[in-house]
N, C-alpha and C. Protein backbone atom coordinates (compact mmCIF):
# COMPACT_ATOMS: atom_id res chain seq x y z
N MET A 1 -47.02 -18.36 35.31
CA MET A 1 -46.85 -17.13 35.16
C MET A 1 -46.51 -16.60 33.94
N GLY A 2 -46.77 -15.29 34.09
CA GLY A 2 -46.34 -14.61 32.72
C GLY A 2 -44.70 -14.31 32.49
N ALA A 3 -44.75 -13.71 31.37
CA ALA A 3 -43.40 -13.13 31.35
C ALA A 3 -42.68 -12.25 32.07
N ILE A 4 -43.77 -11.13 32.17
CA ILE A 4 -43.59 -10.16 33.05
C ILE A 4 -43.74 -10.38 34.93
N ASP A 5 -44.16 -11.95 34.93
CA ASP A 5 -44.25 -11.90 36.46
C ASP A 5 -42.51 -12.46 36.57
N ASP A 6 -42.28 -13.08 35.81
CA ASP A 6 -40.59 -14.06 35.95
C ASP A 6 -39.82 -12.98 35.68
N GLU A 7 -39.84 -11.72 35.05
CA GLU A 7 -38.91 -10.82 35.48
C GLU A 7 -38.90 -9.86 36.31
N ILE A 8 -40.06 -10.01 36.97
CA ILE A 8 -40.06 -9.07 38.51
C ILE A 8 -39.11 -9.71 39.77
N LEU A 9 -39.59 -11.44 39.38
CA LEU A 9 -38.85 -12.34 40.38
C LEU A 9 -37.56 -11.90 40.13
N ARG A 10 -37.05 -12.53 38.92
CA ARG A 10 -35.95 -12.52 38.49
C ARG A 10 -34.98 -10.84 39.43
N GLY A 11 -35.68 -10.03 38.71
CA GLY A 11 -35.35 -8.32 39.39
C GLY A 11 -35.28 -8.45 40.89
N ALA A 12 -35.98 -9.35 41.57
CA ALA A 12 -36.71 -9.26 42.99
C ALA A 12 -35.01 -10.14 43.66
N ALA A 13 -34.73 -11.43 43.17
CA ALA A 13 -33.88 -11.94 43.47
C ALA A 13 -32.72 -11.57 43.21
N ASP A 14 -32.39 -10.77 42.13
CA ASP A 14 -30.94 -10.04 41.72
C ASP A 14 -30.68 -8.97 42.64
N ASP A 15 -31.73 -8.06 43.20
CA ASP A 15 -31.66 -7.32 43.98
C ASP A 15 -31.16 -7.93 45.27
N ALA A 16 -32.46 -9.20 45.75
CA ALA A 16 -32.01 -9.99 47.24
C ALA A 16 -30.52 -10.30 46.93
N LYS A 17 -29.26 -10.51 45.84
CA LYS A 17 -28.33 -10.63 45.55
C LYS A 17 -27.23 -9.92 46.20
N GLU A 18 -27.62 -8.98 45.31
CA GLU A 18 -26.84 -7.64 45.47
C GLU A 18 -26.96 -7.32 47.02
N VAL A 19 -27.79 -6.74 47.81
CA VAL A 19 -27.84 -6.69 49.08
C VAL A 19 -27.36 -7.67 50.01
N ALA A 20 -27.25 -9.10 49.78
CA ALA A 20 -26.26 -9.67 50.60
C ALA A 20 -24.96 -9.32 50.37
N PHE A 21 -23.94 -9.17 49.39
CA PHE A 21 -23.09 -8.79 48.63
C PHE A 21 -22.62 -7.70 49.64
N ILE A 22 -23.19 -6.79 49.62
CA ILE A 22 -23.15 -5.58 50.69
C ILE A 22 -22.97 -5.93 51.53
N GLN A 23 -23.94 -6.81 52.33
CA GLN A 23 -23.80 -7.09 53.88
C GLN A 23 -22.72 -8.18 53.82
N ASN A 24 -22.21 -9.03 53.33
CA ASN A 24 -21.04 -9.82 53.07
C ASN A 24 -19.50 -8.71 53.23
N TYR A 25 -19.30 -8.33 52.46
CA TYR A 25 -18.47 -6.89 51.92
C TYR A 25 -18.10 -5.65 53.49
N MET A 26 -19.62 -5.88 53.91
CA MET A 26 -18.99 -4.75 54.86
C MET A 26 -19.11 -5.40 56.12
N GLY A 27 -19.35 -6.39 55.90
CA GLY A 27 -18.95 -7.57 57.64
C GLY A 27 -19.48 -7.39 58.39
N VAL A 28 -19.18 -8.11 59.69
CA VAL A 28 -20.03 -8.42 60.60
C VAL A 28 -20.68 -7.59 61.71
N GLU A 29 -18.88 -6.27 61.51
CA GLU A 29 -19.20 -5.38 62.67
C GLU A 29 -19.80 -4.54 62.31
N ASN A 30 -20.16 -3.70 60.54
CA ASN A 30 -20.96 -2.97 59.75
C ASN A 30 -21.79 -3.06 59.57
N ARG A 31 -22.85 -4.82 59.69
CA ARG A 31 -23.98 -5.01 59.92
C ARG A 31 -25.14 -4.10 59.72
N GLU A 32 -24.82 -3.93 61.15
CA GLU A 32 -26.35 -3.17 61.92
C GLU A 32 -26.63 -1.53 61.62
N LEU A 33 -25.60 -1.01 60.68
CA LEU A 33 -25.15 0.27 60.25
C LEU A 33 -26.26 0.40 59.31
N PHE A 34 -26.41 -0.67 58.84
CA PHE A 34 -27.82 -0.24 57.99
C PHE A 34 -28.60 -1.65 57.61
N SER A 35 -30.09 -1.11 57.60
CA SER A 35 -31.31 -2.30 57.55
C SER A 35 -31.52 -2.69 55.98
N GLU A 36 -32.30 -3.73 55.59
CA GLU A 36 -32.26 -3.93 54.45
C GLU A 36 -32.79 -2.86 53.78
N GLU A 37 -33.93 -2.14 54.22
CA GLU A 37 -34.35 -0.78 53.92
C GLU A 37 -33.48 0.20 53.60
N ASP A 38 -32.38 0.53 54.31
CA ASP A 38 -31.98 1.95 54.01
C ASP A 38 -30.77 1.45 53.35
N ILE A 39 -30.26 0.69 53.17
CA ILE A 39 -29.12 0.03 51.56
C ILE A 39 -30.27 0.07 50.55
N TYR A 40 -31.56 -0.20 50.00
CA TYR A 40 -32.07 -0.27 49.37
C TYR A 40 -32.53 1.04 48.70
N TYR A 41 -32.51 1.75 49.93
CA TYR A 41 -33.05 3.25 49.77
C TYR A 41 -31.13 4.21 49.72
N CYS A 42 -30.61 3.52 49.83
CA CYS A 42 -29.28 4.28 49.18
C CYS A 42 -28.31 3.87 48.10
N LEU A 43 -28.93 2.84 47.74
CA LEU A 43 -28.40 2.29 46.44
C LEU A 43 -29.56 3.01 45.47
N ASP A 44 -31.33 3.63 45.82
CA ASP A 44 -31.75 4.21 44.91
C ASP A 44 -31.24 5.76 45.10
N VAL A 45 -30.55 6.61 45.26
CA VAL A 45 -29.86 7.82 45.83
C VAL A 45 -28.82 7.97 44.79
N LEU A 46 -28.10 6.40 45.15
CA LEU A 46 -26.55 6.25 44.56
C LEU A 46 -26.66 6.08 43.02
N LEU A 47 -27.92 5.39 42.59
CA LEU A 47 -28.01 5.15 41.01
C LEU A 47 -28.60 6.22 40.82
N GLU A 48 -29.30 6.91 40.98
CA GLU A 48 -29.90 8.59 40.80
C GLU A 48 -28.73 9.40 40.34
N TYR A 49 -28.02 9.65 41.56
CA TYR A 49 -26.99 10.29 41.45
C TYR A 49 -25.65 9.92 39.91
N LEU A 50 -25.49 8.72 39.93
CA LEU A 50 -24.33 8.09 38.76
C LEU A 50 -25.21 8.21 37.59
N ASP A 51 -26.51 8.68 37.61
CA ASP A 51 -26.90 8.48 36.39
C ASP A 51 -27.07 10.43 35.90
N LYS A 52 -27.32 11.02 36.47
CA LYS A 52 -26.74 12.24 36.61
C LYS A 52 -25.23 12.42 36.23
N LEU A 53 -24.14 11.99 36.65
CA LEU A 53 -22.70 12.03 36.42
C LEU A 53 -22.64 11.14 34.60
N ASN A 54 -23.58 10.27 34.47
CA ASN A 54 -23.19 9.56 33.06
C ASN A 54 -23.31 10.79 32.19
N ASP A 55 -24.49 11.92 32.51
CA ASP A 55 -24.66 12.41 31.16
C ASP A 55 -23.81 13.57 31.23
N ASN A 56 -22.75 13.25 31.91
CA ASN A 56 -21.57 14.47 31.96
C ASN A 56 -19.90 13.49 32.09
N ALA A 57 -19.82 12.38 31.35
CA ALA A 57 -18.83 11.37 31.01
C ALA A 57 -18.00 12.42 29.60
N ASP A 58 -17.31 11.85 29.94
CA ASP A 58 -16.12 12.27 29.00
C ASP A 58 -16.51 11.05 27.39
N GLU A 59 -15.19 12.16 26.23
CA GLU A 59 -15.59 11.60 25.28
C GLU A 59 -15.62 10.29 25.00
N GLU A 60 -14.82 9.23 25.99
CA GLU A 60 -14.29 7.78 26.02
C GLU A 60 -15.99 7.16 26.74
N GLY A 61 -16.58 8.02 27.79
CA GLY A 61 -17.24 7.53 28.30
C GLY A 61 -17.11 6.79 29.95
N TYR A 62 -16.70 7.81 30.28
CA TYR A 62 -15.44 7.61 32.26
C TYR A 62 -16.25 8.60 32.48
N ILE A 63 -16.28 8.05 33.80
CA ILE A 63 -16.97 9.72 34.74
C ILE A 63 -16.11 9.60 35.84
N ASP A 64 -15.73 10.49 36.90
CA ASP A 64 -15.31 10.76 38.01
C ASP A 64 -15.79 10.03 39.33
N ILE A 65 -15.61 8.96 39.79
CA ILE A 65 -16.26 9.03 40.88
C ILE A 65 -15.53 9.31 42.17
N ASP A 66 -16.55 9.98 43.18
CA ASP A 66 -15.65 10.66 44.18
C ASP A 66 -16.61 10.43 45.39
N THR A 67 -16.35 9.38 45.79
CA THR A 67 -17.28 8.22 46.76
C THR A 67 -17.58 9.26 48.20
N GLU A 68 -16.74 10.09 48.37
CA GLU A 68 -16.88 10.77 49.55
C GLU A 68 -17.86 12.23 49.05
N GLU A 69 -17.94 12.49 48.11
CA GLU A 69 -19.24 13.36 47.11
C GLU A 69 -20.29 12.90 47.25
N ILE A 70 -20.08 11.07 46.76
CA ILE A 70 -21.69 10.94 46.48
C ILE A 70 -22.31 10.55 48.06
N ALA A 71 -21.14 9.83 49.14
CA ALA A 71 -21.91 9.77 50.53
C ALA A 71 -22.46 11.00 51.17
N LYS A 72 -21.98 12.33 50.98
CA LYS A 72 -22.40 13.60 50.90
C LYS A 72 -23.91 13.92 50.46
N HIS A 73 -23.99 13.33 49.51
CA HIS A 73 -25.21 13.54 48.63
C HIS A 73 -26.30 12.71 49.37
N ILE A 74 -26.03 11.61 49.57
CA ILE A 74 -26.78 10.63 49.99
C ILE A 74 -27.14 11.23 51.77
N GLN A 75 -26.70 11.39 52.48
CA GLN A 75 -26.29 11.86 53.72
C GLN A 75 -27.72 13.24 53.59
N LYS A 76 -27.16 14.32 52.72
CA LYS A 76 -27.94 15.32 52.56
C LYS A 76 -29.67 14.79 52.16
N LYS A 77 -29.23 14.09 51.23
CA LYS A 77 -30.69 13.86 50.46
C LYS A 77 -31.90 12.49 52.08
N ALA A 78 -31.07 12.57 52.52
CA ALA A 78 -31.71 11.22 53.08
C ALA A 78 -32.21 12.48 54.48
N LYS A 79 -31.38 12.92 54.86
CA LYS A 79 -31.83 13.80 55.84
C LYS A 79 -33.33 14.86 55.34
N LYS A 80 -33.28 15.15 54.63
CA LYS A 80 -34.72 15.49 53.91
C LYS A 80 -35.51 14.67 53.81
N GLU A 81 -35.51 13.43 53.01
CA GLU A 81 -36.60 13.17 52.90
C GLU A 81 -36.58 12.11 54.59
N GLY A 82 -36.06 12.16 55.71
CA GLY A 82 -36.38 11.46 56.68
C GLY A 82 -36.09 10.33 57.19
N MET A 83 -34.64 9.63 56.11
CA MET A 83 -34.05 8.61 56.53
C MET A 83 -33.07 8.63 57.18
N GLY A 84 -32.49 7.60 57.47
CA GLY A 84 -30.59 7.77 58.26
C GLY A 84 -31.16 8.12 59.88
N PRO A 85 -30.34 8.81 60.42
CA PRO A 85 -28.51 9.49 59.95
C PRO A 85 -28.41 8.25 59.67
N TYR A 86 -26.84 8.60 58.32
CA TYR A 86 -25.81 7.78 57.77
C TYR A 86 -24.76 9.16 58.38
N GLU A 87 -23.87 7.35 58.59
CA GLU A 87 -22.74 7.95 59.21
C GLU A 87 -21.43 8.09 57.80
N LEU A 88 -20.92 9.05 57.77
CA LEU A 88 -20.34 8.84 55.89
C LEU A 88 -19.13 8.16 56.01
N ASP A 89 -18.62 7.54 56.58
CA ASP A 89 -17.74 6.39 56.54
C ASP A 89 -18.16 5.34 56.04
N ALA A 90 -19.61 5.01 57.24
CA ALA A 90 -20.41 3.83 56.58
C ALA A 90 -20.96 3.89 55.14
N LEU A 91 -21.20 4.46 54.60
CA LEU A 91 -21.89 4.91 53.10
C LEU A 91 -20.78 5.18 52.30
N ILE A 92 -19.77 6.08 52.76
CA ILE A 92 -18.30 5.44 51.69
C ILE A 92 -18.58 3.72 51.68
N LEU A 93 -18.01 3.22 52.48
CA LEU A 93 -18.14 1.80 52.94
C LEU A 93 -19.11 0.91 52.16
N LEU A 94 -20.73 1.35 51.93
CA LEU A 94 -21.39 0.99 51.36
C LEU A 94 -21.54 1.00 49.97
N ILE A 95 -20.82 2.12 49.89
CA ILE A 95 -20.89 2.62 47.87
C ILE A 95 -19.58 1.51 47.16
N ASP A 96 -18.85 1.40 48.02
CA ASP A 96 -17.34 0.55 47.81
C ASP A 96 -17.99 -0.71 47.46
N ALA A 97 -18.64 -1.13 48.52
CA ALA A 97 -19.28 -2.88 48.33
C ALA A 97 -20.36 -2.62 46.77
N GLU A 98 -21.06 -1.77 46.49
CA GLU A 98 -21.75 -1.87 45.13
C GLU A 98 -20.77 -1.06 43.72
N LEU A 99 -20.16 -0.48 44.19
CA LEU A 99 -19.15 -0.93 43.37
C LEU A 99 -18.21 -2.24 42.36
N GLU A 100 -18.20 -2.46 44.00
CA GLU A 100 -17.52 -4.00 43.56
C GLU A 100 -18.15 -4.68 43.32
N TYR A 101 -19.37 -5.05 43.92
CA TYR A 101 -20.52 -5.52 43.26
C TYR A 101 -20.86 -5.38 41.64
N ASN A 102 -20.98 -4.66 40.66
CA ASN A 102 -21.00 -4.18 39.81
C ASN A 102 -19.47 -4.71 39.15
N GLU A 103 -18.55 -4.18 39.37
CA GLU A 103 -17.35 -4.83 39.09
C GLU A 103 -17.18 -6.16 38.63
N GLN A 104 -17.78 -7.22 39.33
CA GLN A 104 -17.77 -8.52 39.30
C GLN A 104 -18.83 -9.19 38.84
N LEU A 105 -19.55 -8.30 38.26
CA LEU A 105 -21.03 -8.52 37.50
C LEU A 105 -20.65 -8.54 35.64
N PRO A 106 -21.29 -9.35 34.86
CA PRO A 106 -20.50 -10.20 33.44
C PRO A 106 -20.89 -8.73 32.65
N GLU A 107 -20.42 -8.37 31.81
CA GLU A 107 -21.06 -7.49 30.84
C GLU A 107 -21.63 -8.21 29.92
N GLU A 108 -22.31 -7.38 29.79
CA GLU A 108 -23.53 -7.03 28.53
C GLU A 108 -23.14 -7.06 26.94
């Protein structure tokens, strides 16, 4: 296997760990709210949104994250793209899980 193949496999393994973390964070009672495909979709939309927020970061690099606003954005985009529907509270929980996951990652 080449270096690119190894990197792709590592990325897929990291993604799987992230999804597993989110599912565990959300708990058994909420696990049925999102399939793995739903989680990947919501994470993609979330990351696009956060990238836009990063463009407007303050001088120290901080951004204001409003999870309800992000959840509403995901709901709106998902509706346009034929995904979901996702409940607002469930999306907020998913966003909280993703933010917690990223807090636990080692800093680069």
